[in-house]
Amino acid sequence: MNSWAQPIAGAVHDDDGNEVAAIAYSNAPVVGPRVIGPYPGGIELDGFLSSAYGVSDDGTAVGLAYDETANPIAFRWTAATACRACR
């Protein structure tokens, strides 16, 4: 979570049962997390697509995913730019 404890970074399971990155606001009017989803072009590996590990005060999330060749990569996500690799 960021310095004011909102949002919280983590992961949820998608409709296929795969773990995908998400952020959640405990004081949001809509219940449930905002799903960031998998890295574009990335692959599923043992039920894992992505997970968010941190979020900054401006809502930028960072996390782990696998690219199209099954290599682990860091990603950065914002609502404005969607998922981006931090290679």
C-alpha atoms as a PDB file:
ATOM      1  CA  MET A   1       0.000   0.000   0.000  1.00  0.00           C
ATOM      2  CA  ASN A   2       1.117   3.582  -0.407  1.00  0.00           C
ATOM      3  CA  SER A   3       1.915   6.104   2.342  1.00  0.00           C
ATOM      4  CA  TRP A   4      -1.755   6.766   3.136  1.00  0.00           C
ATOM      5  CA  ALA A   5      -2.728   3.071   3.034  1.00  0.00           C
ATOM      6  CA  GLN A   6      -4.743   3.282  -0.202  1.00  0.00           C
ATOM      7  CA  PRO A   7      -4.830   1.325  -2.439  1.00  0.00           C
ATOM      8  CA  ILE A   8      -3.567  -2.077  -1.451  1.00  0.00           C
ATOM      9  CA  ALA A   9      -1.567  -4.032  -4.072  1.00  0.00           C
ATOM     10  CA  GLY A  10      -1.966  -7.762  -4.564  1.00  0.00           C
ATOM     11  CA  ALA A  11      -3.688 -10.305  -6.781  1.00  0.00           C
ATOM     12  CA  VAL A  12      -7.050 -11.982  -7.366  1.00  0.00           C
ATOM     13  CA  HIS A  13      -8.122 -15.060  -9.321  1.00  0.00           C
ATOM     14  CA  ASP A  14      -9.648 -14.447 -12.748  1.00  0.00           C
ATOM     15  CA  ASP A  15     -12.557 -16.418 -14.253  1.00  0.00           C
ATOM     16  CA  ASP A  16     -10.128 -19.156 -15.349  1.00  0.00           C
ATOM     17  CA  GLY A  17      -8.638 -19.501 -11.849  1.00  0.00           C
ATOM     18  CA  ASN A  18      -5.352 -17.782 -12.752  1.00  0.00           C
ATOM     19  CA  GLU A  19      -3.736 -15.296 -10.372  1.00  0.00           C
ATOM     20  CA  VAL A  20      -3.745 -11.753 -11.808  1.00  0.00           C
ATOM     21  CA  ALA A  21      -2.528  -8.437 -10.402  1.00  0.00           C
ATOM     22  CA  ALA A  22      -5.057  -6.143  -8.762  1.00  0.00           C
ATOM     23  CA  ILE A  23      -5.312  -3.112  -6.521  1.00  0.00           C
ATOM     24  CA  ALA A  24      -8.101  -2.452  -4.038  1.00  0.00           C
ATOM     25  CA  TYR A  25      -9.359   0.618  -2.191  1.00  0.00           C
ATOM     26  CA  SER A  26     -11.013  -0.121   1.130  1.00  0.00           C
ATOM     27  CA  ASN A  27     -12.907   3.182   1.029  1.00  0.00           C
ATOM     28  CA  ALA A  28     -14.121   2.874  -2.593  1.00  0.00           C
ATOM     29  CA  PRO A  29     -17.849   3.107  -3.324  1.00  0.00           C
ATOM     30  CA  VAL A  30     -17.529  -0.010  -5.506  1.00  0.00           C
ATOM     31  CA  VAL A  31     -16.786  -3.213  -3.636  1.00  0.00           C
ATOM     32  CA  GLY A  32     -13.989  -5.374  -4.993  1.00  0.00           C
ATOM     33  CA  PRO A  33     -10.546  -4.869  -6.457  1.00  0.00           C
ATOM     34  CA  ARG A  34      -9.584  -3.156  -9.690  1.00  0.00           C
ATOM     35  CA  VAL A  35      -8.050  -5.949 -11.738  1.00  0.00           C
ATOM     36  CA  ILE A  36      -4.832  -4.949 -13.501  1.00  0.00           C
ATOM     37  CA  GLY A  37      -4.704  -8.265 -15.300  1.00  0.00           C
ATOM     38  CA  PRO A  38      -1.906 -10.093 -17.072  1.00  0.00           C
ATOM     39  CA  TYR A  39       1.017  -8.510 -18.867  1.00  0.00           C
ATOM     40  CA  PRO A  40       0.042  -7.937 -22.534  1.00  0.00           C
ATOM     41  CA  GLY A  41       1.407 -10.865 -24.527  1.00  0.00           C
ATOM     42  CA  GLY A  42       2.484 -12.634 -21.363  1.00  0.00           C
ATOM     43  CA  ILE A  43       1.770 -16.265 -20.595  1.00  0.00           C
ATOM     44  CA  GLU A  44       0.267 -18.233 -17.737  1.00  0.00           C
ATOM     45  CA  LEU A  45       2.741 -20.287 -15.718  1.00  0.00           C
ATOM     46  CA  ASP A  46       1.353 -22.747 -13.152  1.00  0.00           C
ATOM     47  CA  GLY A  47      -1.810 -20.678 -12.705  1.00  0.00           C
ATOM     48  CA  PHE A  48       0.107 -17.398 -12.328  1.00  0.00           C
ATOM     49  CA  LEU A  49      -0.249 -14.480 -14.743  1.00  0.00           C
ATOM     50  CA  SER A  50       0.772 -11.473 -12.625  1.00  0.00           C
ATOM     51  CA  SER A  51       0.829  -9.992  -9.146  1.00  0.00           C
ATOM     52  CA  ALA A  52       1.169  -6.425  -7.891  1.00  0.00           C
ATOM     53  CA  TYR A  53       3.722  -5.916  -5.114  1.00  0.00           C
ATOM     54  CA  GLY A  54       3.632  -2.182  -4.501  1.00  0.00           C
ATOM     55  CA  VAL A  55       1.720   0.978  -5.256  1.00  0.00           C
ATOM     56  CA  SER A  56       2.778   4.621  -5.020  1.00  0.00           C
ATOM     57  CA  ASP A  57       0.854   7.670  -3.843  1.00  0.00           C
ATOM     58  CA  ASP A  58      -0.184   8.458  -7.430  1.00  0.00           C
ATOM     59  CA  GLY A  59      -1.685   4.971  -7.956  1.00  0.00           C
ATOM     60  CA  THR A  60       1.170   3.523 -10.031  1.00  0.00           C
ATOM     61  CA  ALA A  61       1.458  -0.193  -9.342  1.00  0.00           C
ATOM     62  CA  VAL A  62       4.534  -2.392  -9.858  1.00  0.00           C
ATOM     63  CA  GLY A  63       4.713  -6.140  -9.898  1.00  0.00           C
ATOM     64  CA  LEU A  64       5.788  -9.402 -11.497  1.00  0.00           C
ATOM     65  CA  ALA A  65       4.562 -11.173 -14.636  1.00  0.00           C
ATOM     66  CA  TYR A  66       5.919 -13.540 -17.278  1.00  0.00           C
ATOM     67  CA  ASP A  67       6.576 -12.409 -20.841  1.00  0.00           C
ATOM     68  CA  GLU A  68       5.761 -14.422 -23.981  1.00  0.00           C
ATOM     69  CA  THR A  69       8.943 -16.514 -23.541  1.00  0.00           C
ATOM     70  CA  ALA A  70       8.153 -17.417 -19.889  1.00  0.00           C
ATOM     71  CA  ASN A  71      10.823 -15.080 -18.503  1.00  0.00           C
ATOM     72  CA  PRO A  72       9.863 -13.230 -15.307  1.00  0.00           C
ATOM     73  CA  ILE A  73       9.615  -9.476 -15.800  1.00  0.00           C
ATOM     74  CA  ALA A  74       8.825  -6.456 -13.689  1.00  0.00           C
ATOM     75  CA  PHE A  75       5.927  -4.304 -14.806  1.00  0.00           C
ATOM     76  CA  ARG A  76       4.614  -0.826 -14.059  1.00  0.00           C
ATOM     77  CA  TRP A  77       0.907  -0.055 -14.399  1.00  0.00           C
ATOM     78  CA  THR A  78      -1.093   3.150 -14.279  1.00  0.00           C
ATOM     79  CA  ALA A  79      -4.722   3.671 -15.157  1.00  0.00           C
ATOM     80  CA  ALA A  80      -3.646   6.053 -17.936  1.00  0.00           C
ATOM     81  CA  THR A  81      -0.981   3.899 -19.616  1.00  0.00           C
ATOM     82  CA  ALA A  82      -2.018   0.338 -18.706  1.00  0.00           C
ATOM     83  CA  CYS A  83       0.662  -2.291 -18.213  1.00  0.00           C
ATOM     84  CA  ARG A  84       4.261  -1.467 -19.211  1.00  0.00           C
ATOM     85  CA  ALA A  85       7.439  -3.512 -18.875  1.00  0.00           C
ATOM     86  CA  CYS A  86      10.240  -2.107 -16.756  1.00  0.00           C
ATOM     87  CA  ARG A  87      13.049  -3.873 -18.563  1.00  0.00           C
END
